[in-house]
């Protein structure tokens, strides 16, 4: 999994190489600034990712849940169809409890508004 922070506070995640997720996420948390994770790929959709890599990522998220809940305003899966965004939210919204921050699917036309809204919300509001 590759993390790009060039558009901070928009942090893009992709299945491309090189894998740099651990060091980039650690650096983001160490900054102490709020950010939004963005992707156009559904979680777990990388066929090249081994079970060990999936387990390592999952364990890192568990170990860093409290830090993530303070600094990650949301994780948004960006899609090009608003009906798909609406439909998929029922499946990804429960992940919010697991990760400690909101997880949503958004239509690309709504991305700017969604990023702005999640960054403006306080962590206490987001986790309720």
N, C-alpha and C. Protein backbone atom coordinates (compact mmCIF):
# COMPACT_ATOMS: atom_id res chain seq x y z
N UNK A 1 0.84 -1.16 0.00
CA UNK A 1 0.00 0.00 0.00
C UNK A 1 0.90 1.24 0.00
N UNK A 2 0.56 2.17 -0.85
CA UNK A 2 1.35 3.39 -0.99
C UNK A 2 0.55 4.60 -0.48
N UNK A 3 1.20 5.46 0.28
CA UNK A 3 0.59 6.66 0.83
C UNK A 3 1.26 7.88 0.18
N UNK A 4 0.43 8.81 -0.29
CA UNK A 4 0.94 10.06 -0.85
C UNK A 4 0.42 11.22 -0.01
N UNK A 5 1.34 12.03 0.52
CA UNK A 5 0.97 13.16 1.37
C UNK A 5 1.16 14.50 0.66
N UNK A 6 1.36 14.47 -0.65
CA UNK A 6 1.65 15.69 -1.40
C UNK A 6 0.50 16.70 -1.38
N UNK A 7 -0.73 16.24 -1.13
CA UNK A 7 -1.89 17.15 -1.09
C UNK A 7 -2.39 17.34 0.35
N UNK A 8 -1.52 17.18 1.33
CA UNK A 8 -1.91 17.27 2.73
C UNK A 8 -2.80 18.50 2.95
N UNK A 9 -3.90 18.36 3.68
CA UNK A 9 -4.34 17.28 4.56
C UNK A 9 -5.09 16.14 3.86
N UNK A 10 -5.12 16.19 2.54
CA UNK A 10 -5.66 15.06 1.77
C UNK A 10 -4.53 14.04 1.59
N UNK A 11 -4.71 12.87 2.15
CA UNK A 11 -3.69 11.84 2.11
C UNK A 11 -4.25 10.68 1.28
N UNK A 12 -3.64 10.48 0.11
CA UNK A 12 -4.13 9.46 -0.82
C UNK A 12 -3.47 8.11 -0.56
N UNK A 13 -4.29 7.07 -0.59
CA UNK A 13 -3.84 5.68 -0.42
C UNK A 13 -4.10 4.95 -1.73
N UNK A 14 -3.13 4.16 -2.17
CA UNK A 14 -3.32 3.35 -3.37
C UNK A 14 -2.63 2.00 -3.21
N UNK A 15 -2.95 1.11 -4.11
CA UNK A 15 -2.34 -0.22 -4.10
C UNK A 15 -1.05 -0.28 -4.89
N UNK A 16 -0.52 0.87 -5.29
CA UNK A 16 0.68 0.90 -6.10
C UNK A 16 1.93 0.73 -5.24
N UNK A 17 3.00 0.43 -5.89
CA UNK A 17 4.30 0.30 -5.22
C UNK A 17 5.01 1.64 -5.26
N UNK A 18 5.95 1.91 -4.42
CA UNK A 18 6.41 1.05 -3.34
C UNK A 18 5.51 1.17 -2.12
N UNK A 19 5.52 0.12 -1.33
CA UNK A 19 4.74 0.13 -0.10
C UNK A 19 5.46 0.99 0.93
N UNK A 20 4.80 2.04 1.37
CA UNK A 20 5.39 2.96 2.34
C UNK A 20 4.41 3.31 3.45
N UNK A 21 3.35 2.56 3.62
CA UNK A 21 2.26 2.94 4.50
C UNK A 21 2.69 3.15 5.95
N UNK A 22 3.52 2.25 6.46
CA UNK A 22 3.87 2.35 7.89
C UNK A 22 4.62 3.64 8.20
N UNK A 23 5.68 3.92 7.47
CA UNK A 23 6.47 5.12 7.77
C UNK A 23 5.67 6.40 7.51
N UNK A 24 4.84 6.40 6.47
CA UNK A 24 4.06 7.60 6.17
C UNK A 24 2.97 7.84 7.21
N UNK A 25 2.28 6.79 7.63
CA UNK A 25 1.25 6.95 8.66
C UNK A 25 1.85 7.36 10.00
N UNK A 26 2.99 6.76 10.33
CA UNK A 26 3.68 7.15 11.57
C UNK A 26 4.06 8.63 11.52
N UNK A 27 4.60 9.07 10.38
CA UNK A 27 4.99 10.47 10.23
C UNK A 27 3.78 11.39 10.33
N UNK A 28 2.66 10.99 9.75
CA UNK A 28 1.44 11.80 9.84
C UNK A 28 0.98 11.94 11.29
N UNK A 29 0.99 10.84 12.02
CA UNK A 29 0.56 10.90 13.41
C UNK A 29 1.52 11.72 14.26
N UNK A 30 2.80 11.64 13.96
CA UNK A 30 3.79 12.42 14.70
C UNK A 30 3.66 13.91 14.44
N UNK A 31 3.13 14.30 13.27
CA UNK A 31 2.91 15.72 12.95
C UNK A 31 1.89 16.36 13.89
N UNK A 32 0.90 15.57 14.29
CA UNK A 32 -0.13 16.08 15.17
C UNK A 32 -1.18 16.94 14.49
N UNK A 33 -1.23 16.91 13.17
CA UNK A 33 -2.23 17.68 12.42
C UNK A 33 -3.29 16.74 11.87
N UNK A 34 -4.52 17.28 11.75
CA UNK A 34 -5.62 16.46 11.24
C UNK A 34 -5.52 16.29 9.72
N UNK A 35 -5.94 15.11 9.26
CA UNK A 35 -5.89 14.78 7.84
C UNK A 35 -7.05 13.87 7.49
N UNK A 36 -7.28 13.69 6.19
CA UNK A 36 -8.31 12.79 5.68
C UNK A 36 -7.64 11.79 4.75
N UNK A 37 -7.90 10.50 4.99
CA UNK A 37 -7.40 9.45 4.12
C UNK A 37 -8.35 9.30 2.94
N UNK A 38 -7.81 9.27 1.73
CA UNK A 38 -8.61 9.16 0.51
C UNK A 38 -8.11 8.01 -0.35
N UNK A 39 -9.04 7.33 -1.00
CA UNK A 39 -8.68 6.28 -1.94
C UNK A 39 -9.76 6.12 -2.98
N UNK A 40 -9.38 5.60 -4.11
CA UNK A 40 -10.36 5.24 -5.15
C UNK A 40 -10.50 3.72 -5.21
N UNK A 41 -9.86 3.03 -4.30
CA UNK A 41 -9.86 1.57 -4.27
C UNK A 41 -10.53 1.09 -2.98
N UNK A 42 -11.38 0.11 -3.10
CA UNK A 42 -12.03 -0.42 -1.91
C UNK A 42 -11.01 -1.16 -1.06
N UNK A 43 -11.11 -1.03 0.27
CA UNK A 43 -10.18 -1.73 1.15
C UNK A 43 -10.20 -3.24 0.88
N UNK A 44 -9.02 -3.82 0.89
CA UNK A 44 -8.90 -5.26 0.68
C UNK A 44 -9.00 -5.69 -0.78
N UNK A 45 -8.97 -4.73 -1.70
CA UNK A 45 -9.14 -5.08 -3.12
C UNK A 45 -7.83 -5.34 -3.85
N UNK A 46 -6.71 -5.36 -3.13
CA UNK A 46 -5.42 -5.58 -3.78
C UNK A 46 -5.10 -7.08 -3.79
N UNK A 47 -5.18 -7.71 -4.96
CA UNK A 47 -4.91 -9.16 -5.02
C UNK A 47 -3.43 -9.50 -4.78
N UNK A 48 -2.54 -8.52 -4.90
CA UNK A 48 -1.12 -8.77 -4.71
C UNK A 48 -0.70 -8.71 -3.23
N UNK A 49 -1.59 -8.26 -2.38
CA UNK A 49 -1.27 -8.11 -0.96
C UNK A 49 -1.38 -9.47 -0.26
N UNK A 50 -0.32 -9.87 0.42
CA UNK A 50 -0.31 -11.17 1.11
C UNK A 50 -1.13 -11.09 2.40
N UNK A 51 -1.47 -12.26 2.91
CA UNK A 51 -2.20 -12.33 4.17
C UNK A 51 -1.37 -11.72 5.30
N UNK A 52 -0.06 -11.92 5.26
CA UNK A 52 0.81 -11.35 6.28
C UNK A 52 0.76 -9.83 6.24
N UNK A 53 0.79 -9.26 5.03
CA UNK A 53 0.73 -7.80 4.89
C UNK A 53 -0.60 -7.26 5.40
N UNK A 54 -1.69 -7.96 5.10
CA UNK A 54 -3.02 -7.55 5.57
C UNK A 54 -3.07 -7.59 7.10
N UNK A 55 -2.52 -8.64 7.68
CA UNK A 55 -2.52 -8.79 9.13
C UNK A 55 -1.65 -7.71 9.79
N UNK A 56 -0.53 -7.40 9.17
CA UNK A 56 0.35 -6.36 9.70
C UNK A 56 -0.35 -5.00 9.71
N UNK A 57 -1.02 -4.69 8.61
CA UNK A 57 -1.76 -3.42 8.52
C UNK A 57 -2.89 -3.39 9.54
N UNK A 58 -3.63 -4.46 9.64
CA UNK A 58 -4.73 -4.54 10.59
C UNK A 58 -4.24 -4.36 12.03
N UNK A 59 -3.14 -5.02 12.37
CA UNK A 59 -2.59 -4.89 13.72
C UNK A 59 -2.11 -3.47 13.98
N UNK A 60 -1.50 -2.83 12.98
CA UNK A 60 -1.04 -1.45 13.15
C UNK A 60 -2.22 -0.54 13.44
N UNK A 61 -3.32 -0.73 12.70
CA UNK A 61 -4.51 0.09 12.93
C UNK A 61 -5.07 -0.14 14.33
N UNK A 62 -5.06 -1.38 14.81
CA UNK A 62 -5.53 -1.68 16.17
C UNK A 62 -4.63 -1.00 17.20
N UNK A 63 -3.32 -1.13 17.01
CA UNK A 63 -2.37 -0.56 17.96
C UNK A 63 -2.39 0.96 18.00
N UNK A 64 -2.79 1.59 16.91
CA UNK A 64 -2.74 3.05 16.80
C UNK A 64 -4.13 3.69 16.74
N UNK A 65 -5.15 2.94 17.12
CA UNK A 65 -6.53 3.42 17.03
C UNK A 65 -6.74 4.75 17.75
N UNK A 66 -6.24 4.88 18.96
CA UNK A 66 -6.47 6.11 19.73
C UNK A 66 -5.78 7.31 19.08
N UNK A 67 -4.57 7.11 18.58
CA UNK A 67 -3.87 8.21 17.89
C UNK A 67 -4.57 8.56 16.59
N UNK A 68 -5.02 7.56 15.86
CA UNK A 68 -5.72 7.81 14.61
C UNK A 68 -7.02 8.57 14.85
N UNK A 69 -7.74 8.20 15.90
CA UNK A 69 -9.03 8.86 16.15
C UNK A 69 -8.86 10.35 16.43
N UNK A 70 -7.70 10.75 16.92
CA UNK A 70 -7.44 12.17 17.15
C UNK A 70 -7.03 12.92 15.89
N UNK A 71 -6.29 12.27 15.01
CA UNK A 71 -5.69 12.97 13.88
C UNK A 71 -6.31 12.66 12.52
N UNK A 72 -6.89 11.49 12.37
CA UNK A 72 -7.53 11.15 11.09
C UNK A 72 -9.00 11.58 11.17
N UNK A 73 -9.35 12.60 10.42
CA UNK A 73 -10.71 13.13 10.45
C UNK A 73 -11.70 12.17 9.80
N UNK A 74 -11.25 11.40 8.80
CA UNK A 74 -12.11 10.44 8.11
C UNK A 74 -11.29 9.67 7.09
N UNK A 75 -11.87 8.58 6.63
CA UNK A 75 -11.34 7.85 5.49
C UNK A 75 -12.45 7.80 4.45
N UNK A 76 -12.17 8.33 3.27
CA UNK A 76 -13.18 8.43 2.23
C UNK A 76 -12.78 7.62 1.01
N UNK A 77 -13.68 6.75 0.56
CA UNK A 77 -13.51 6.02 -0.69
C UNK A 77 -14.24 6.84 -1.75
N UNK A 78 -13.51 7.29 -2.75
CA UNK A 78 -14.06 8.18 -3.77
C UNK A 78 -14.51 7.36 -4.98
N UNK A 79 -15.78 7.55 -5.38
CA UNK A 79 -16.33 6.83 -6.53
C UNK A 79 -16.94 7.83 -7.50
N UNK A 80 -17.15 7.40 -8.74
CA UNK A 80 -17.66 8.29 -9.78
C UNK A 80 -19.17 8.20 -9.96
N UNK A 81 -19.85 7.37 -9.18
CA UNK A 81 -21.28 7.18 -9.32
C UNK A 81 -21.95 7.42 -7.96
N UNK A 82 -22.87 8.38 -7.91
CA UNK A 82 -23.50 8.73 -6.63
C UNK A 82 -24.36 7.60 -6.08
N UNK A 83 -24.97 6.80 -6.94
CA UNK A 83 -25.78 5.67 -6.48
C UNK A 83 -24.90 4.62 -5.82
N UNK A 84 -23.73 4.38 -6.39
CA UNK A 84 -22.78 3.44 -5.79
C UNK A 84 -22.31 3.98 -4.44
N UNK A 85 -22.03 5.27 -4.37
CA UNK A 85 -21.61 5.87 -3.09
C UNK A 85 -22.67 5.64 -2.03
N UNK A 86 -23.91 5.91 -2.37
CA UNK A 86 -25.01 5.72 -1.42
C UNK A 86 -25.12 4.26 -0.99
N UNK A 87 -25.06 3.36 -1.96
CA UNK A 87 -25.23 1.93 -1.68
C UNK A 87 -24.10 1.36 -0.83
N UNK A 88 -22.87 1.74 -1.13
CA UNK A 88 -21.72 1.17 -0.42
C UNK A 88 -21.56 1.70 1.00
N UNK A 89 -22.14 2.85 1.30
CA UNK A 89 -22.00 3.39 2.66
C UNK A 89 -22.55 2.45 3.71
N UNK A 90 -23.58 1.70 3.38
CA UNK A 90 -24.13 0.75 4.35
C UNK A 90 -23.11 -0.30 4.74
N UNK A 91 -22.20 -0.62 3.81
CA UNK A 91 -21.19 -1.64 4.08
C UNK A 91 -19.94 -1.10 4.77
N UNK A 92 -19.56 0.15 4.48
CA UNK A 92 -18.31 0.67 5.04
C UNK A 92 -18.50 1.46 6.32
N UNK A 93 -19.68 2.02 6.55
CA UNK A 93 -19.91 2.84 7.75
C UNK A 93 -19.62 2.06 9.04
N UNK A 94 -19.96 0.77 9.15
CA UNK A 94 -19.61 0.03 10.38
C UNK A 94 -18.11 -0.02 10.67
N UNK A 95 -17.28 0.19 9.66
CA UNK A 95 -15.83 0.21 9.88
C UNK A 95 -15.41 1.40 10.76
N UNK A 96 -16.25 2.42 10.84
CA UNK A 96 -15.94 3.59 11.65
C UNK A 96 -15.68 3.21 13.10
N UNK A 97 -16.49 2.32 13.62
CA UNK A 97 -16.33 1.87 15.01
C UNK A 97 -14.99 1.14 15.18
N UNK A 98 -14.67 0.31 14.24
CA UNK A 98 -13.42 -0.46 14.30
C UNK A 98 -12.19 0.44 14.24
N UNK A 99 -12.20 1.41 13.33
CA UNK A 99 -11.03 2.24 13.11
C UNK A 99 -10.94 3.44 14.04
N UNK A 100 -12.06 3.91 14.57
CA UNK A 100 -12.04 5.07 15.46
C UNK A 100 -12.18 6.40 14.76
N UNK A 101 -12.50 6.36 13.47
CA UNK A 101 -12.77 7.57 12.69
C UNK A 101 -13.79 7.21 11.61
N UNK A 102 -14.52 8.20 11.09
CA UNK A 102 -15.55 7.91 10.09
C UNK A 102 -14.97 7.32 8.81
N UNK A 103 -15.65 6.32 8.28
CA UNK A 103 -15.31 5.71 7.00
C UNK A 103 -16.56 5.86 6.12
N UNK A 104 -16.40 6.49 4.97
CA UNK A 104 -17.52 6.75 4.09
C UNK A 104 -17.12 6.56 2.64
N UNK A 105 -18.13 6.34 1.78
CA UNK A 105 -17.95 6.34 0.34
C UNK A 105 -18.60 7.62 -0.16
N UNK A 106 -17.86 8.39 -0.95
CA UNK A 106 -18.38 9.67 -1.42
C UNK A 106 -18.25 9.77 -2.94
N UNK A 107 -19.20 10.49 -3.51
CA UNK A 107 -19.14 10.78 -4.94
C UNK A 107 -18.07 11.83 -5.16
N UNK A 108 -17.30 11.71 -6.24
CA UNK A 108 -16.18 12.63 -6.49
C UNK A 108 -16.61 14.09 -6.54
N UNK A 109 -17.85 14.39 -6.95
CA UNK A 109 -18.33 15.77 -6.98
C UNK A 109 -18.52 16.35 -5.58
N UNK A 110 -18.68 15.48 -4.59
CA UNK A 110 -18.88 15.90 -3.20
C UNK A 110 -17.60 15.88 -2.38
N UNK A 111 -16.49 15.50 -2.99
CA UNK A 111 -15.26 15.30 -2.25
C UNK A 111 -14.80 16.54 -1.51
N UNK A 112 -14.73 17.69 -2.16
CA UNK A 112 -14.25 18.90 -1.51
C UNK A 112 -15.09 19.24 -0.28
N UNK A 113 -16.39 19.18 -0.43
CA UNK A 113 -17.28 19.50 0.69
C UNK A 113 -17.12 18.50 1.84
N UNK A 114 -16.98 17.23 1.50
CA UNK A 114 -16.82 16.20 2.53
C UNK A 114 -15.51 16.36 3.29
N UNK A 115 -14.43 16.59 2.56
CA UNK A 115 -13.12 16.78 3.21
C UNK A 115 -13.18 17.98 4.13
N UNK A 116 -13.72 19.08 3.66
CA UNK A 116 -13.83 20.29 4.47
C UNK A 116 -14.66 20.04 5.72
N UNK A 117 -15.79 19.37 5.57
CA UNK A 117 -16.67 19.11 6.72
C UNK A 117 -16.00 18.21 7.76
N UNK A 118 -15.34 17.16 7.32
CA UNK A 118 -14.70 16.26 8.28
C UNK A 118 -13.51 16.93 8.97
N UNK A 119 -12.75 17.73 8.26
CA UNK A 119 -11.63 18.43 8.89
C UNK A 119 -12.11 19.47 9.90
N UNK A 120 -13.27 20.07 9.64
CA UNK A 120 -13.81 21.10 10.53
C UNK A 120 -14.45 20.51 11.79
N UNK A 121 -14.91 19.26 11.72
CA UNK A 121 -15.58 18.63 12.87
C UNK A 121 -14.55 18.29 13.95
N UNK A 122 -14.99 18.36 15.18
CA UNK A 122 -14.10 18.00 16.28
C UNK A 122 -14.05 16.48 16.41
N UNK A 123 -12.93 15.93 16.90
CA UNK A 123 -12.84 14.47 17.05
C UNK A 123 -13.93 13.89 17.93
N UNK A 124 -14.37 14.62 18.94
CA UNK A 124 -15.41 14.11 19.82
C UNK A 124 -16.72 13.93 19.06
N UNK A 125 -17.04 14.86 18.18
CA UNK A 125 -18.26 14.77 17.40
C UNK A 125 -18.18 13.61 16.42
N UNK A 126 -17.02 13.43 15.80
CA UNK A 126 -16.85 12.41 14.80
C UNK A 126 -17.01 11.00 15.34
N UNK A 127 -16.63 10.79 16.57
CA UNK A 127 -16.62 9.45 17.12
C UNK A 127 -17.91 9.07 17.83
N UNK A 128 -18.90 9.90 17.72
CA UNK A 128 -20.17 9.57 18.38
C UNK A 128 -21.06 8.79 17.46
